[in-house]
Amino acid sequence: MKKLLAASVLGAVTLFAVGAHAAPTLLNVSYDVMRDFYKDYNTAFQKHWQAEHPEGVTVQMSFGGSSKQARSVIDGLPADVITMNMATDINALADNGQLVPDNWVTLLPNHSAPFTSATVFIVRKGNPKHLKDWPDLLQSGVQVIVPNPKTSGNGRYTYLSAWAYVLKNGGDEAKAKAFVGQLFKQAPVLDTGGRAATTTFMTNQIGDVLVTFENEAEMIAREFGRDQFEVVYPSVSAEAEPPVAVVEKVVEKKGTRALAEDYLKYLWSPEGQDIAAANYLRPRDPAVLAKYADRFPQVDFMSVEKTFGDWRTVQKTHFADGGVFDQLYQQ
């Protein structure tokens, strides 16, 4: 049995090596709700790369809860690039082993975030609980499906958006803390990532509302049908800026720096921005945004850093072990 297992492992390594000679391989470690986008983007990038180079390129993907994914890279998963939904997860790579430089956020345009997104409510068809804004989620008997802020950027943006709603409407920090604490008491389960939360809501039919990114609503429509749910935009949303970075130590070891840098820079190309908009991610390019204006309602965005401080402070205060979220959830 051991000999067979060894032969299988050797065979897998050999196959990988043969593929590596045929074309360079890039590993993108990303988060749950970006599967559809990168499926489209990777195909476009491969054509772009092959048009300018003598060989093709193989793009491999890894998806999961964003913080869990970042931890995997810290623990040795050889990502050439990391594409997260929150800066805290890329900061973790700088703070643990200097996998990315401290100034990674300045190395690409728009704070290294090629698009933005809003937080929305996915409700059952007909919106039977009449859920329109954040306070409605605190009504007695309303079950809120949201992933765990400890493992998911999706969950953290929900937490920050609800907190921002209270501040925007004249509340102080104490009122915001109580409001967010009650919101998470309405959650019957905390999944590790956004896709798992979608499965809980859509497949398992648990909960009255799924709080997620607006591009996840399109993925749900493609998978389950547009007649199965409705999308509600709350009055306030923290502006999600999903950042990207080259994992310096990995590309230096693998010799894939040029490939990794081009892969990320192409996100800002007209084609990359068009693919983003087609997948309901808000493009940075004003012309592309105007082209798809009908699918992006006006949202009262609140900047995370202007509202809460820099991302390292946000992580330490709210989501680190023993932080505000832990205090609220344990209560």
C-alpha atoms as a PDB file:
ATOM      1  CA  MET A   1       0.000   0.000   0.000  1.00  0.00           C
ATOM      2  CA  LYS A   2       2.836   2.386   0.923  1.00  0.00           C
ATOM      3  CA  LYS A   3       4.570   1.630  -2.381  1.00  0.00           C
ATOM      4  CA  LEU A   4       1.382   2.343  -4.318  1.00  0.00           C
ATOM      5  CA  LEU A   5       0.894   5.621  -2.464  1.00  0.00           C
ATOM      6  CA  ALA A   6       4.488   6.644  -3.118  1.00  0.00           C
ATOM      7  CA  ALA A   7       4.072   5.825  -6.804  1.00  0.00           C
ATOM      8  CA  SER A   8       0.894   7.910  -6.970  1.00  0.00           C
ATOM      9  CA  VAL A   9       2.571  10.912  -5.344  1.00  0.00           C
ATOM     10  CA  LEU A  10       5.594  10.573  -7.635  1.00  0.00           C
ATOM     11  CA  GLY A  11       3.281  10.347 -10.622  1.00  0.00           C
ATOM     12  CA  ALA A  12       1.493  13.527  -9.577  1.00  0.00           C
ATOM     13  CA  VAL A  13       4.786  15.367  -9.146  1.00  0.00           C
ATOM     14  CA  THR A  14       6.015  14.132 -12.521  1.00  0.00           C
ATOM     15  CA  LEU A  15       2.848  15.248 -14.276  1.00  0.00           C
ATOM     16  CA  PHE A  16       3.154  18.671 -12.658  1.00  0.00           C
ATOM     17  CA  ALA A  17       6.772  18.960 -13.751  1.00  0.00           C
ATOM     18  CA  VAL A  18       5.904  18.092 -17.336  1.00  0.00           C
ATOM     19  CA  GLY A  19       3.159  20.727 -17.316  1.00  0.00           C
ATOM     20  CA  ALA A  20       5.583  23.252 -15.871  1.00  0.00           C
ATOM     21  CA  HIS A  21       7.949  22.772 -18.835  1.00  0.00           C
ATOM     22  CA  ALA A  22       5.079  23.342 -21.243  1.00  0.00           C
ATOM     23  CA  ALA A  23       3.913  26.616 -19.659  1.00  0.00           C
ATOM     24  CA  PRO A  24       4.638  28.690 -16.558  1.00  0.00           C
ATOM     25  CA  THR A  25       2.158  28.154 -13.749  1.00  0.00           C
ATOM     26  CA  LEU A  26       0.659  30.846 -11.555  1.00  0.00           C
ATOM     27  CA  LEU A  27      -1.306  30.192  -8.356  1.00  0.00           C
ATOM     28  CA  ASN A  28      -3.884  32.799  -7.337  1.00  0.00           C
ATOM     29  CA  VAL A  29      -5.148  32.370  -3.761  1.00  0.00           C
ATOM     30  CA  SER A  30      -8.474  34.165  -3.538  1.00  0.00           C
ATOM     31  CA  TYR A  31     -11.739  34.294  -1.586  1.00  0.00           C
ATOM     32  CA  ASP A  32     -15.023  32.498  -1.885  1.00  0.00           C
ATOM     33  CA  VAL A  33     -17.264  34.735  -3.958  1.00  0.00           C
ATOM     34  CA  MET A  34     -14.768  35.439  -6.766  1.00  0.00           C
ATOM     35  CA  ARG A  35     -15.063  32.099  -8.560  1.00  0.00           C
ATOM     36  CA  ASP A  36     -17.090  33.368 -11.507  1.00  0.00           C
ATOM     37  CA  PHE A  37     -14.980  36.489 -11.996  1.00  0.00           C
ATOM     38  CA  TYR A  38     -11.662  34.654 -12.095  1.00  0.00           C
ATOM     39  CA  LYS A  39     -13.087  31.951 -14.325  1.00  0.00           C
ATOM     40  CA  ASP A  40     -13.726  34.655 -16.933  1.00  0.00           C
ATOM     41  CA  TYR A  41     -10.656  36.750 -16.161  1.00  0.00           C
ATOM     42  CA  ASN A  42      -8.167  33.891 -16.291  1.00  0.00           C
ATOM     43  CA  THR A  43      -9.288  32.923 -19.790  1.00  0.00           C
ATOM     44  CA  ALA A  44      -8.843  36.517 -20.975  1.00  0.00           C
ATOM     45  CA  PHE A  45      -5.460  36.849 -19.293  1.00  0.00           C
ATOM     46  CA  GLN A  46      -4.170  33.620 -20.815  1.00  0.00           C
ATOM     47  CA  LYS A  47      -4.998  34.958 -24.289  1.00  0.00           C
ATOM     48  CA  HIS A  48      -3.335  38.283 -23.443  1.00  0.00           C
ATOM     49  CA  TRP A  49      -0.187  36.577 -22.145  1.00  0.00           C
ATOM     50  CA  GLN A  50       0.111  34.178 -25.078  1.00  0.00           C
ATOM     51  CA  ALA A  51      -0.232  37.039 -27.560  1.00  0.00           C
ATOM     52  CA  GLU A  52       2.918  38.621 -26.113  1.00  0.00           C
ATOM     53  CA  HIS A  53       4.969  35.551 -25.121  1.00  0.00           C
ATOM     54  CA  PRO A  54       6.101  32.383 -26.887  1.00  0.00           C
ATOM     55  CA  GLU A  55       4.424  30.119 -24.347  1.00  0.00           C
ATOM     56  CA  GLY A  56       1.018  29.894 -22.719  1.00  0.00           C
ATOM     57  CA  VAL A  57       0.354  30.088 -19.006  1.00  0.00           C
ATOM     58  CA  THR A  58      -1.480  27.818 -16.570  1.00  0.00           C
ATOM     59  CA  VAL A  59      -3.488  29.640 -13.892  1.00  0.00           C
ATOM     60  CA  GLN A  60      -4.414  27.660 -10.799  1.00  0.00           C
ATOM     61  CA  MET A  61      -6.953  28.923  -8.255  1.00  0.00           C
ATOM     62  CA  SER A  62      -7.601  28.364  -4.563  1.00  0.00           C
ATOM     63  CA  PHE A  63     -10.805  29.658  -2.955  1.00  0.00           C
ATOM     64  CA  GLY A  64     -12.071  29.836   0.635  1.00  0.00           C
ATOM     65  CA  GLY A  65     -12.814  32.211   3.500  1.00  0.00           C
ATOM     66  CA  SER A  66     -10.414  35.139   3.027  1.00  0.00           C
ATOM     67  CA  SER A  67      -8.640  35.024   6.395  1.00  0.00           C
ATOM     68  CA  LYS A  68      -8.384  31.257   6.186  1.00  0.00           C
ATOM     69  CA  GLN A  69      -6.804  31.632   2.745  1.00  0.00           C
ATOM     70  CA  ALA A  70      -4.300  34.185   3.994  1.00  0.00           C
ATOM     71  CA  ARG A  71      -3.351  31.831   6.822  1.00  0.00           C
ATOM     72  CA  SER A  72      -2.772  29.046   4.275  1.00  0.00           C
ATOM     73  CA  VAL A  73      -0.299  31.242   2.393  1.00  0.00           C
ATOM     74  CA  ILE A  74       1.457  32.182   5.638  1.00  0.00           C
ATOM     75  CA  ASP A  75       1.685  28.470   6.442  1.00  0.00           C
ATOM     76  CA  GLY A  76       3.319  27.660   3.106  1.00  0.00           C
ATOM     77  CA  LEU A  77       0.755  27.529   0.273  1.00  0.00           C
ATOM     78  CA  PRO A  78       2.934  28.826  -2.628  1.00  0.00           C
ATOM     79  CA  ALA A  79       0.698  31.601  -3.977  1.00  0.00           C
ATOM     80  CA  ASP A  80       2.227  33.784  -6.677  1.00  0.00           C
ATOM     81  CA  VAL A  81      -0.517  36.343  -6.070  1.00  0.00           C
ATOM     82  CA  ILE A  82      -3.092  36.836  -3.362  1.00  0.00           C
ATOM     83  CA  THR A  83      -6.436  38.470  -4.196  1.00  0.00           C
ATOM     84  CA  MET A  84      -8.425  39.199  -1.061  1.00  0.00           C
ATOM     85  CA  ASN A  85     -11.496  41.246  -0.172  1.00  0.00           C
ATOM     86  CA  MET A  86      -9.901  43.194   2.661  1.00  0.00           C
ATOM     87  CA  ALA A  87      -6.481  44.713   3.329  1.00  0.00           C
ATOM     88  CA  THR A  88      -6.164  43.011   6.729  1.00  0.00           C
ATOM     89  CA  ASP A  89      -5.564  39.646   5.049  1.00  0.00           C
ATOM     90  CA  ILE A  90      -2.700  40.941   2.913  1.00  0.00           C
ATOM     91  CA  ASN A  91      -1.285  42.886   5.863  1.00  0.00           C
ATOM     92  CA  ALA A  92      -1.112  39.528   7.638  1.00  0.00           C
ATOM     93  CA  LEU A  93       1.336  38.323   4.977  1.00  0.00           C
ATOM     94  CA  ALA A  94       3.534  41.355   5.614  1.00  0.00           C
ATOM     95  CA  ASP A  95       3.373  40.868   9.369  1.00  0.00           C
ATOM     96  CA  ASN A  96       4.070  37.122   9.233  1.00  0.00           C
ATOM     97  CA  GLY A  97       7.279  36.370   7.400  1.00  0.00           C
ATOM     98  CA  GLN A  98       7.389  39.469   5.159  1.00  0.00           C
ATOM     99  CA  LEU A  99       5.788  37.515   2.313  1.00  0.00           C
ATOM    100  CA  VAL A 100       4.720  40.871   0.848  1.00  0.00           C
ATOM    101  CA  PRO A 101       6.421  44.234   1.488  1.00  0.00           C
ATOM    102  CA  ASP A 102       5.005  46.633   4.071  1.00  0.00           C
ATOM    103  CA  ASN A 103       4.181  49.122   1.297  1.00  0.00           C
ATOM    104  CA  TRP A 104       2.316  46.586  -0.871  1.00  0.00           C
ATOM    105  CA  VAL A 105      -0.778  48.810  -0.976  1.00  0.00           C
ATOM    106  CA  THR A 106       1.164  51.519  -2.888  1.00  0.00           C
ATOM    107  CA  LEU A 107       2.516  49.234  -5.616  1.00  0.00           C
ATOM    108  CA  LEU A 108      -0.641  49.238  -7.766  1.00  0.00           C
ATOM    109  CA  PRO A 109      -3.282  51.927  -8.470  1.00  0.00           C
ATOM    110  CA  ASN A 110      -6.283  52.643  -6.220  1.00  0.00           C
ATOM    111  CA  HIS A 111      -4.618  51.287  -3.073  1.00  0.00           C
ATOM    112  CA  SER A 112      -4.051  48.031  -5.000  1.00  0.00           C
ATOM    113  CA  ALA A 113      -7.821  47.451  -5.288  1.00  0.00           C
ATOM    114  CA  PRO A 114      -8.941  47.136  -8.953  1.00  0.00           C
ATOM    115  CA  PHE A 115     -12.657  47.372  -8.184  1.00  0.00           C
ATOM    116  CA  THR A 116     -15.090  47.974  -5.319  1.00  0.00           C
ATOM    117  CA  SER A 117     -18.281  46.375  -4.027  1.00  0.00           C
ATOM    118  CA  ALA A 118     -21.257  47.065  -1.797  1.00  0.00           C
ATOM    119  CA  THR A 119     -22.907  45.014   0.935  1.00  0.00           C
ATOM    120  CA  VAL A 120     -26.462  43.907   0.099  1.00  0.00           C
ATOM    121  CA  PHE A 121     -29.300  41.873   1.612  1.00  0.00           C
ATOM    122  CA  ILE A 122     -30.486  38.758  -0.224  1.00  0.00           C
ATOM    123  CA  VAL A 123     -34.065  38.059   0.891  1.00  0.00           C
ATOM    124  CA  ARG A 124     -36.678  35.445   0.041  1.00  0.00           C
ATOM    125  CA  LYS A 125     -38.915  36.156  -2.958  1.00  0.00           C
ATOM    126  CA  GLY A 126     -41.506  38.764  -2.012  1.00  0.00           C
ATOM    127  CA  ASN A 127     -39.420  39.872   0.978  1.00  0.00           C
ATOM    128  CA  PRO A 128     -41.925  38.396   3.462  1.00  0.00           C
ATOM    129  CA  LYS A 129     -40.191  39.928   6.499  1.00  0.00           C
ATOM    130  CA  HIS A 130     -40.079  43.397   4.840  1.00  0.00           C
ATOM    131  CA  LEU A 131     -36.352  43.800   5.398  1.00  0.00           C
ATOM    132  CA  LYS A 132     -35.227  47.153   3.968  1.00  0.00           C
ATOM    133  CA  ASP A 133     -32.428  48.445   6.175  1.00  0.00           C
ATOM    134  CA  TRP A 134     -30.083  47.472   8.983  1.00  0.00           C
ATOM    135  CA  PRO A 135     -32.521  47.959  11.909  1.00  0.00           C
ATOM    136  CA  ASP A 136     -34.976  45.535  10.260  1.00  0.00           C
ATOM    137  CA  LEU A 137     -32.466  42.719  10.721  1.00  0.00           C
ATOM    138  CA  LEU A 138     -32.739  43.124  14.490  1.00  0.00           C
ATOM    139  CA  GLN A 139     -36.477  42.402  14.569  1.00  0.00           C
ATOM    140  CA  SER A 140     -37.529  39.509  16.767  1.00  0.00           C
ATOM    141  CA  GLY A 141     -37.538  36.232  14.862  1.00  0.00           C
ATOM    142  CA  VAL A 142     -35.400  37.405  11.927  1.00  0.00           C
ATOM    143  CA  GLN A 143     -32.552  34.990  11.204  1.00  0.00           C
ATOM    144  CA  VAL A 144     -29.496  36.606   9.613  1.00  0.00           C
ATOM    145  CA  ILE A 145     -27.062  34.479   7.589  1.00  0.00           C
ATOM    146  CA  VAL A 146     -23.572  35.974   7.572  1.00  0.00           C
ATOM    147  CA  PRO A 147     -20.113  34.364   7.589  1.00  0.00           C
ATOM    148  CA  ASN A 148     -17.790  34.586  10.564  1.00  0.00           C
ATOM    149  CA  PRO A 149     -15.866  37.906  10.711  1.00  0.00           C
ATOM    150  CA  LYS A 150     -12.932  36.010  12.172  1.00  0.00           C
ATOM    151  CA  THR A 151     -12.446  33.998   8.973  1.00  0.00           C
ATOM    152  CA  SER A 152     -14.270  35.981   6.282  1.00  0.00           C
ATOM    153  CA  GLY A 153     -13.846  39.474   4.889  1.00  0.00           C
ATOM    154  CA  ASN A 154     -17.488  39.215   3.852  1.00  0.00           C
ATOM    155  CA  GLY A 155     -18.413  38.885   7.532  1.00  0.00           C
ATOM    156  CA  ARG A 156     -16.127  41.763   8.512  1.00  0.00           C
ATOM    157  CA  TYR A 157     -17.692  44.096   5.961  1.00  0.00           C
ATOM    158  CA  THR A 158     -21.139  43.194   7.305  1.00  0.00           C
ATOM    159  CA  TYR A 159     -19.948  44.019  10.821  1.00  0.00           C
ATOM    160  CA  LEU A 160     -18.377  47.326   9.720  1.00  0.00           C
ATOM    161  CA  SER A 161     -21.356  48.325   7.552  1.00  0.00           C
ATOM    162  CA  ALA A 162     -23.797  47.822  10.439  1.00  0.00           C
ATOM    163  CA  TRP A 163     -21.497  49.771  12.777  1.00  0.00           C
ATOM    164  CA  ALA A 164     -21.190  52.565  10.178  1.00  0.00           C
ATOM    165  CA  TYR A 165     -24.997  52.714   9.877  1.00  0.00           C
ATOM    166  CA  VAL A 166     -25.311  53.592  13.567  1.00  0.00           C
ATOM    167  CA  LEU A 167     -22.595  56.251  13.385  1.00  0.00           C
ATOM    168  CA  LYS A 168     -24.121  57.725  10.212  1.00  0.00           C
ATOM    169  CA  ASN A 169     -27.462  58.076  11.990  1.00  0.00           C
ATOM    170  CA  GLY A 170     -26.119  59.924  15.020  1.00  0.00           C
ATOM    171  CA  GLY A 171     -25.281  57.005  17.294  1.00  0.00           C
ATOM    172  CA  ASP A 172     -22.106  56.772  19.332  1.00  0.00           C
ATOM    173  CA  GLU A 173     -19.635  53.912  19.724  1.00  0.00           C
ATOM    174  CA  ALA A 174     -21.608  52.357  22.587  1.00  0.00           C
ATOM    175  CA  LYS A 175     -24.811  52.282  20.531  1.00  0.00           C
ATOM    176  CA  ALA A 176     -22.943  50.865  17.534  1.00  0.00           C
ATOM    177  CA  LYS A 177     -21.438  48.134  19.684  1.00  0.00           C
ATOM    178  CA  ALA A 178     -24.853  47.155  21.064  1.00  0.00           C
ATOM    179  CA  PHE A 179     -26.405  47.239  17.577  1.00  0.00           C
ATOM    180  CA  VAL A 180     -23.759  44.993  16.027  1.00  0.00           C
ATOM    181  CA  GLY A 181     -23.860  42.661  19.009  1.00  0.00           C
ATOM    182  CA  GLN A 182     -27.595  42.190  18.540  1.00  0.00           C
ATOM    183  CA  LEU A 183     -27.155  41.675  14.795  1.00  0.00           C
ATOM    184  CA  PHE A 184     -24.851  38.714  15.312  1.00  0.00           C
ATOM    185  CA  LYS A 185     -27.171  37.264  17.944  1.00  0.00           C
ATOM    186  CA  GLN A 186     -29.677  36.938  15.088  1.00  0.00           C
ATOM    187  CA  ALA A 187     -27.298  34.585  13.259  1.00  0.00           C
ATOM    188  CA  PRO A 188     -28.162  30.892  13.793  1.00  0.00           C
ATOM    189  CA  VAL A 189     -24.794  29.813  12.332  1.00  0.00           C
ATOM    190  CA  LEU A 190     -21.529  31.479  11.317  1.00  0.00           C
ATOM    191  CA  ASP A 191     -20.036  29.846   8.231  1.00  0.00           C
ATOM    192  CA  THR A 192     -16.332  30.275   7.482  1.00  0.00           C
ATOM    193  CA  GLY A 193     -16.821  32.023   4.117  1.00  0.00           C
ATOM    194  CA  GLY A 194     -19.287  33.711   1.799  1.00  0.00           C
ATOM    195  CA  ARG A 195     -19.968  30.716  -0.438  1.00  0.00           C
ATOM    196  CA  ALA A 196     -20.706  28.498   2.553  1.00  0.00           C
ATOM    197  CA  ALA A 197     -23.121  31.146   3.832  1.00  0.00           C
ATOM    198  CA  THR A 198     -24.847  31.168   0.437  1.00  0.00           C
ATOM    199  CA  THR A 199     -25.231  27.376   0.624  1.00  0.00           C
ATOM    200  CA  THR A 200     -26.759  27.717   4.094  1.00  0.00           C
ATOM    201  CA  PHE A 201     -29.272  30.272   2.823  1.00  0.00           C
ATOM    202  CA  MET A 202     -30.112  29.029  -0.665  1.00  0.00           C
ATOM    203  CA  THR A 203     -29.571  25.248  -0.547  1.00  0.00           C
ATOM    204  CA  ASN A 204     -30.367  24.516   3.082  1.00  0.00           C
ATOM    205  CA  GLN A 205     -33.081  27.200   3.193  1.00  0.00           C
ATOM    206  CA  ILE A 206     -31.954  28.501   6.589  1.00  0.00           C
ATOM    207  CA  GLY A 207     -32.501  32.136   7.499  1.00  0.00           C
ATOM    208  CA  ASP A 208     -34.535  35.127   6.347  1.00  0.00           C
ATOM    209  CA  VAL A 209     -31.711  37.226   4.910  1.00  0.00           C
ATOM    210  CA  LEU A 210     -28.208  36.608   3.572  1.00  0.00           C
ATOM    211  CA  VAL A 211     -25.831  39.557   3.952  1.00  0.00           C
ATOM    212  CA  THR A 212     -23.173  39.467   1.254  1.00  0.00           C
ATOM    213  CA  PHE A 213     -21.446  41.374  -1.558  1.00  0.00           C
ATOM    214  CA  GLU A 214     -23.514  42.537  -4.518  1.00  0.00           C
ATOM    215  CA  ASN A 215     -21.512  40.386  -6.961  1.00  0.00           C
ATOM    216  CA  GLU A 216     -22.525  37.284  -4.977  1.00  0.00           C
ATOM    217  CA  ALA A 217     -26.148  38.132  -5.806  1.00  0.00           C
ATOM    218  CA  GLU A 218     -25.353  37.627  -9.494  1.00  0.00           C
ATOM    219  CA  MET A 219     -23.653  34.303  -8.764  1.00  0.00           C
ATOM    220  CA  ILE A 220     -26.748  33.187  -6.854  1.00  0.00           C
ATOM    221  CA  ALA A 221     -28.942  34.220  -9.789  1.00  0.00           C
ATOM    222  CA  ARG A 222     -26.853  32.171 -12.220  1.00  0.00           C
ATOM    223  CA  GLU A 223     -26.900  29.111  -9.984  1.00  0.00           C
ATOM    224  CA  PHE A 224     -30.392  29.158  -8.488  1.00  0.00           C
ATOM    225  CA  GLY A 225     -32.437  31.393 -10.803  1.00  0.00           C
ATOM    226  CA  ARG A 226     -33.408  35.030 -10.548  1.00  0.00           C
ATOM    227  CA  ASP A 227     -36.922  34.202  -9.371  1.00  0.00           C
ATOM    228  CA  GLN A 228     -35.712  32.655  -6.091  1.00  0.00           C
ATOM    229  CA  PHE A 229     -34.747  35.813  -4.209  1.00  0.00           C
ATOM    230  CA  GLU A 230     -34.652  39.618  -4.177  1.00  0.00           C
ATOM    231  CA  VAL A 231     -31.758  42.026  -3.615  1.00  0.00           C
ATOM    232  CA  VAL A 232     -32.112  44.891  -1.145  1.00  0.00           C
ATOM    233  CA  TYR A 233     -29.564  47.698  -0.890  1.00  0.00           C
ATOM    234  CA  PRO A 234     -29.375  49.033   2.687  1.00  0.00           C
ATOM    235  CA  SER A 235     -28.996  52.767   3.236  1.00  0.00           C
ATOM    236  CA  VAL A 236     -25.357  52.508   4.309  1.00  0.00           C
ATOM    237  CA  SER A 237     -22.534  50.210   3.211  1.00  0.00           C
ATOM    238  CA  ALA A 238     -18.869  50.226   4.075  1.00  0.00           C
ATOM    239  CA  GLU A 239     -17.051  50.470   0.752  1.00  0.00           C
ATOM    240  CA  ALA A 240     -15.407  47.139   0.023  1.00  0.00           C
ATOM    241  CA  GLU A 241     -12.083  47.546  -1.766  1.00  0.00           C
ATOM    242  CA  PRO A 242     -10.793  44.046  -2.600  1.00  0.00           C
ATOM    243  CA  PRO A 243      -6.986  44.366  -2.800  1.00  0.00           C
ATOM    244  CA  VAL A 244      -4.413  42.295  -4.646  1.00  0.00           C
ATOM    245  CA  ALA A 245      -0.678  41.733  -4.212  1.00  0.00           C
ATOM    246  CA  VAL A 246       2.255  39.756  -5.551  1.00  0.00           C
ATOM    247  CA  VAL A 247       3.617  37.324  -2.948  1.00  0.00           C
ATOM    248  CA  GLU A 248       7.224  38.468  -3.215  1.00  0.00           C
ATOM    249  CA  LYS A 249       8.978  35.568  -1.511  1.00  0.00           C
ATOM    250  CA  VAL A 250       7.162  33.000  -3.648  1.00  0.00           C
ATOM    251  CA  VAL A 251       7.749  34.650  -7.030  1.00  0.00           C
ATOM    252  CA  GLU A 252      11.421  35.194  -6.209  1.00  0.00           C
ATOM    253  CA  LYS A 253      11.792  31.488  -5.476  1.00  0.00           C
ATOM    254  CA  LYS A 254       9.758  30.334  -8.486  1.00  0.00           C
ATOM    255  CA  GLY A 255      11.031  32.932 -10.938  1.00  0.00           C
ATOM    256  CA  THR A 256       7.496  34.069 -11.795  1.00  0.00           C
ATOM    257  CA  ARG A 257       7.673  37.771 -10.886  1.00  0.00           C
ATOM    258  CA  ALA A 258       7.040  39.104 -14.404  1.00  0.00           C
ATOM    259  CA  LEU A 259       4.070  36.766 -14.851  1.00  0.00           C
ATOM    260  CA  ALA A 260       2.568  37.604 -11.460  1.00  0.00           C
ATOM    261  CA  GLU A 261       2.961  41.361 -11.954  1.00  0.00           C
ATOM    262  CA  ASP A 262       1.391  41.249 -15.409  1.00  0.00           C
ATOM    263  CA  TYR A 263      -1.472  39.095 -14.103  1.00  0.00           C
ATOM    264  CA  LEU A 264      -2.401  41.737 -11.526  1.00  0.00           C
ATOM    265  CA  LYS A 265      -1.779  44.790 -13.720  1.00  0.00           C
ATOM    266  CA  TYR A 266      -4.131  43.356 -16.350  1.00  0.00           C
ATOM    267  CA  LEU A 267      -6.965  43.712 -13.826  1.00  0.00           C
ATOM    268  CA  TRP A 268      -6.861  47.467 -14.573  1.00  0.00           C
ATOM    269  CA  SER A 269      -6.906  46.981 -18.351  1.00  0.00           C
ATOM    270  CA  PRO A 270     -10.096  47.884 -20.242  1.00  0.00           C
ATOM    271  CA  GLU A 271     -10.812  44.169 -20.727  1.00  0.00           C
ATOM    272  CA  GLY A 272     -10.135  43.347 -17.061  1.00  0.00           C
ATOM    273  CA  GLN A 273     -12.418  46.169 -15.949  1.00  0.00           C
ATOM    274  CA  ASP A 274     -15.129  45.074 -18.378  1.00  0.00           C
ATOM    275  CA  ILE A 275     -15.004  41.513 -17.020  1.00  0.00           C
ATOM    276  CA  ALA A 276     -15.284  42.925 -13.490  1.00  0.00           C
ATOM    277  CA  ALA A 277     -18.381  44.927 -14.376  1.00  0.00           C
ATOM    278  CA  ALA A 278     -19.925  41.942 -16.179  1.00  0.00           C
ATOM    279  CA  ASN A 279     -19.539  40.047 -12.887  1.00  0.00           C
ATOM    280  CA  TYR A 280     -21.124  42.871 -10.860  1.00  0.00           C
ATOM    281  CA  LEU A 281     -17.884  44.230  -9.414  1.00  0.00           C
ATOM    282  CA  ARG A 282     -17.721  48.034  -9.584  1.00  0.00           C
ATOM    283  CA  PRO A 283     -14.886  48.935 -11.984  1.00  0.00           C
ATOM    284  CA  ARG A 284     -12.425  51.743 -11.266  1.00  0.00           C
ATOM    285  CA  ASP A 285     -12.434  52.854 -14.913  1.00  0.00           C
ATOM    286  CA  PRO A 286     -15.090  55.635 -15.141  1.00  0.00           C
ATOM    287  CA  ALA A 287     -15.890  54.800 -18.759  1.00  0.00           C
ATOM    288  CA  VAL A 288     -16.533  51.144 -17.976  1.00  0.00           C
ATOM    289  CA  LEU A 289     -18.563  52.068 -14.883  1.00  0.00           C
ATOM    290  CA  ALA A 290     -20.722  54.384 -16.998  1.00  0.00           C
ATOM    291  CA  LYS A 291     -21.238  51.603 -19.543  1.00  0.00           C
ATOM    292  CA  TYR A 292     -22.695  49.349 -16.828  1.00  0.00           C
ATOM    293  CA  ALA A 293     -24.381  52.055 -14.748  1.00  0.00           C
ATOM    294  CA  ASP A 294     -27.754  50.284 -14.863  1.00  0.00           C
ATOM    295  CA  ARG A 295     -26.505  47.406 -12.676  1.00  0.00           C
ATOM    296  CA  PHE A 296     -24.823  49.519  -9.996  1.00  0.00           C
ATOM    297  CA  PRO A 297     -27.344  51.507  -7.913  1.00  0.00           C
ATOM    298  CA  GLN A 298     -26.145  54.574  -6.073  1.00  0.00           C
ATOM    299  CA  VAL A 299     -24.930  53.593  -2.605  1.00  0.00           C
ATOM    300  CA  ASP A 300     -24.098  55.726   0.427  1.00  0.00           C
ATOM    301  CA  PHE A 301     -20.599  54.350   0.846  1.00  0.00           C
ATOM    302  CA  MET A 302     -18.593  54.964   3.981  1.00  0.00           C
ATOM    303  CA  SER A 303     -14.814  54.706   3.770  1.00  0.00           C
ATOM    304  CA  VAL A 304     -13.515  52.126   6.231  1.00  0.00           C
ATOM    305  CA  GLU A 305     -10.280  53.982   6.951  1.00  0.00           C
ATOM    306  CA  LYS A 306     -11.981  57.382   7.372  1.00  0.00           C
ATOM    307  CA  THR A 307     -14.617  55.849   9.654  1.00  0.00           C
ATOM    308  CA  PHE A 308     -12.615  53.304  11.640  1.00  0.00           C
ATOM    309  CA  GLY A 309      -8.918  54.121  11.119  1.00  0.00           C
ATOM    310  CA  ASP A 310      -6.231  52.212   9.250  1.00  0.00           C
ATOM    311  CA  TRP A 311      -6.773  48.517   8.571  1.00  0.00           C
ATOM    312  CA  ARG A 312      -4.251  47.308  11.126  1.00  0.00           C
ATOM    313  CA  THR A 313      -6.123  49.252  13.816  1.00  0.00           C
ATOM    314  CA  VAL A 314      -9.444  47.846  12.577  1.00  0.00           C
ATOM    315  CA  GLN A 315      -8.127  44.291  12.735  1.00  0.00           C
ATOM    316  CA  LYS A 316      -6.557  44.685  16.173  1.00  0.00           C
ATOM    317  CA  THR A 317      -9.547  46.477  17.698  1.00  0.00           C
ATOM    318  CA  HIS A 318     -12.413  44.489  16.242  1.00  0.00           C
ATOM    319  CA  PHE A 319     -11.359  41.106  14.874  1.00  0.00           C
ATOM    320  CA  ALA A 320      -8.188  39.947  16.637  1.00  0.00           C
ATOM    321  CA  ASP A 321      -8.534  37.344  19.372  1.00  0.00           C
ATOM    322  CA  GLY A 322     -10.104  39.056  22.358  1.00  0.00           C
ATOM    323  CA  GLY A 323     -11.234  42.031  20.251  1.00  0.00           C
ATOM    324  CA  VAL A 324     -14.647  43.674  20.144  1.00  0.00           C
ATOM    325  CA  PHE A 325     -16.242  40.966  18.001  1.00  0.00           C
ATOM    326  CA  ASP A 326     -15.114  38.212  20.374  1.00  0.00           C
ATOM    327  CA  GLN A 327     -16.470  40.196  23.314  1.00  0.00           C
ATOM    328  CA  LEU A 328     -19.828  40.711  21.634  1.00  0.00           C
ATOM    329  CA  TYR A 329     -20.218  37.165  20.367  1.00  0.00           C
ATOM    330  CA  GLN A 330     -19.228  35.535  23.649  1.00  0.00           C
ATOM    331  CA  GLN A 331     -21.829  37.641  25.415  1.00  0.00           C
END
